[in-house]
């Protein structure tokens, strides 16, 4: 049996990362948004994506 990731699991990842400090800059925190048309968690300061969903 394969381990299939559901849409709910993917949305939980976004929720888990939202609000955490950015690992790419000192000042920003992560927020839900989009990156190159994909749902993502991006830094509000440096706009670097921490994760994106395809």
N, C-alpha and C. Protein backbone atom coordinates (compact mmCIF):
# COMPACT_ATOMS: atom_id res chain seq x y z
N UNK A 1 0.84 -1.17 0.00
CA UNK A 1 0.00 0.00 0.00
C UNK A 1 0.89 1.24 0.00
N UNK A 2 0.54 2.21 -0.83
CA UNK A 2 1.33 3.43 -0.93
C UNK A 2 0.87 4.45 0.11
N UNK A 3 1.81 5.28 0.53
CA UNK A 3 1.50 6.38 1.42
C UNK A 3 1.10 7.57 0.55
N UNK A 4 -0.17 7.91 0.53
CA UNK A 4 -0.68 8.98 -0.31
C UNK A 4 -0.93 10.20 0.55
N UNK A 5 -0.36 11.32 0.13
CA UNK A 5 -0.54 12.57 0.85
C UNK A 5 -1.84 13.21 0.39
N UNK A 6 -2.73 13.54 1.33
CA UNK A 6 -3.99 14.16 0.96
C UNK A 6 -3.85 15.68 0.93
N UNK A 7 -4.84 16.31 0.32
CA UNK A 7 -4.86 17.77 0.28
C UNK A 7 -4.89 18.34 1.68
N UNK A 8 -5.64 17.71 2.59
CA UNK A 8 -5.69 18.18 3.97
C UNK A 8 -4.32 18.14 4.63
N UNK A 9 -3.54 17.11 4.37
CA UNK A 9 -2.19 17.01 4.91
C UNK A 9 -1.31 18.14 4.40
N UNK A 10 -1.47 18.47 3.14
CA UNK A 10 -0.68 19.55 2.55
C UNK A 10 -1.06 20.89 3.16
N UNK A 11 -2.34 21.10 3.40
CA UNK A 11 -2.78 22.35 4.01
C UNK A 11 -2.31 22.45 5.45
N UNK A 12 -2.21 21.31 6.13
CA UNK A 12 -1.68 21.30 7.50
C UNK A 12 -0.23 21.77 7.52
N UNK A 13 0.54 21.40 6.51
CA UNK A 13 1.92 21.84 6.41
C UNK A 13 1.99 23.36 6.34
N UNK A 14 1.15 23.96 5.50
CA UNK A 14 1.10 25.42 5.38
C UNK A 14 0.75 26.02 6.75
N UNK A 15 -0.25 25.47 7.40
CA UNK A 15 -0.67 25.98 8.71
C UNK A 15 0.43 25.85 9.75
N UNK A 16 1.16 24.73 9.73
CA UNK A 16 2.24 24.50 10.70
C UNK A 16 3.38 25.50 10.54
N UNK A 17 3.69 25.86 9.30
CA UNK A 17 4.82 26.75 9.05
C UNK A 17 4.46 28.23 9.20
N UNK A 18 3.20 28.58 9.04
CA UNK A 18 2.76 29.98 9.13
C UNK A 18 3.06 30.53 10.53
N UNK A 19 3.70 31.69 10.55
CA UNK A 19 4.03 32.35 11.81
C UNK A 19 5.42 32.04 12.34
N UNK A 20 6.07 31.04 11.79
CA UNK A 20 7.43 30.71 12.24
C UNK A 20 8.43 31.73 11.70
N UNK A 21 9.56 31.88 12.37
CA UNK A 21 10.58 32.81 11.87
C UNK A 21 11.20 32.30 10.57
N UNK A 22 11.60 33.22 9.74
CA UNK A 22 12.24 32.89 8.48
C UNK A 22 13.67 32.40 8.75
N UNK A 23 14.08 31.36 8.04
CA UNK A 23 15.44 30.86 8.21
C UNK A 23 16.41 31.50 7.22
N UNK A 24 15.90 32.38 6.35
CA UNK A 24 16.74 33.03 5.35
C UNK A 24 17.11 34.47 5.72
N UNK A 25 16.34 35.09 6.62
CA UNK A 25 16.64 36.45 7.04
C UNK A 25 16.38 36.58 8.54
N UNK A 26 16.82 37.66 9.13
CA UNK A 26 16.69 37.84 10.57
C UNK A 26 15.39 38.51 11.00
N UNK A 27 14.71 39.18 10.08
CA UNK A 27 13.59 40.02 10.47
C UNK A 27 12.21 39.47 10.14
N UNK A 28 12.12 38.53 9.23
CA UNK A 28 10.81 38.12 8.74
C UNK A 28 10.23 36.91 9.43
N UNK A 29 8.94 36.73 9.21
CA UNK A 29 8.26 35.51 9.64
C UNK A 29 7.46 34.99 8.45
N UNK A 30 7.11 33.72 8.51
CA UNK A 30 6.46 33.06 7.38
C UNK A 30 4.96 33.31 7.38
N UNK A 31 4.42 33.49 6.18
CA UNK A 31 2.98 33.69 6.01
C UNK A 31 2.50 32.88 4.82
N UNK A 32 1.24 32.53 4.85
CA UNK A 32 0.63 31.81 3.73
C UNK A 32 0.50 32.76 2.55
N UNK A 33 0.79 32.26 1.36
CA UNK A 33 0.70 33.08 0.16
C UNK A 33 0.85 32.22 -1.07
N UNK A 34 1.39 32.81 -2.12
CA UNK A 34 1.64 32.05 -3.34
C UNK A 34 3.02 32.41 -3.88
N UNK A 35 3.59 31.45 -4.59
CA UNK A 35 4.90 31.63 -5.20
C UNK A 35 4.85 30.96 -6.56
N UNK A 36 5.06 31.75 -7.61
CA UNK A 36 5.01 31.25 -8.99
C UNK A 36 3.74 30.46 -9.27
N UNK A 37 2.62 30.97 -8.75
CA UNK A 37 1.33 30.35 -9.00
C UNK A 37 0.98 29.17 -8.12
N UNK A 38 1.86 28.79 -7.22
CA UNK A 38 1.61 27.66 -6.32
C UNK A 38 1.33 28.17 -4.91
N UNK A 39 0.50 27.44 -4.18
CA UNK A 39 0.27 27.76 -2.78
C UNK A 39 1.59 27.57 -2.06
N UNK A 40 1.92 28.51 -1.17
CA UNK A 40 3.24 28.48 -0.54
C UNK A 40 3.22 29.16 0.82
N UNK A 41 4.32 29.00 1.53
CA UNK A 41 4.61 29.75 2.74
C UNK A 41 5.82 30.59 2.40
N UNK A 42 5.67 31.90 2.49
CA UNK A 42 6.76 32.81 2.12
C UNK A 42 7.06 33.75 3.27
N UNK A 43 8.27 34.27 3.27
CA UNK A 43 8.68 35.22 4.29
C UNK A 43 8.09 36.59 3.96
N UNK A 44 7.50 37.22 4.97
CA UNK A 44 6.93 38.55 4.74
C UNK A 44 8.02 39.60 4.61
N UNK A 45 9.23 39.31 5.06
CA UNK A 45 10.33 40.26 4.97
C UNK A 45 11.12 40.15 3.67
N UNK A 46 11.68 38.98 3.41
CA UNK A 46 12.54 38.81 2.23
C UNK A 46 11.84 38.14 1.05
N UNK A 47 10.59 37.70 1.25
CA UNK A 47 9.76 37.08 0.22
C UNK A 47 10.32 35.76 -0.32
N UNK A 48 11.19 35.12 0.44
CA UNK A 48 11.73 33.81 0.06
C UNK A 48 10.72 32.73 0.43
N UNK A 49 10.42 31.79 -0.49
CA UNK A 49 9.49 30.71 -0.13
C UNK A 49 10.20 29.67 0.75
N UNK A 50 9.53 29.28 1.81
CA UNK A 50 10.05 28.21 2.68
C UNK A 50 9.53 26.86 2.20
N UNK A 51 8.33 26.87 1.61
CA UNK A 51 7.73 25.65 1.07
C UNK A 51 6.69 26.07 0.05
N UNK A 52 6.51 25.24 -0.97
CA UNK A 52 5.42 25.47 -1.92
C UNK A 52 4.82 24.14 -2.32
N UNK A 53 3.53 24.17 -2.62
CA UNK A 53 2.80 22.97 -2.98
C UNK A 53 2.50 22.98 -4.46
N UNK A 54 2.71 21.84 -5.09
CA UNK A 54 2.39 21.71 -6.52
C UNK A 54 1.09 20.97 -6.67
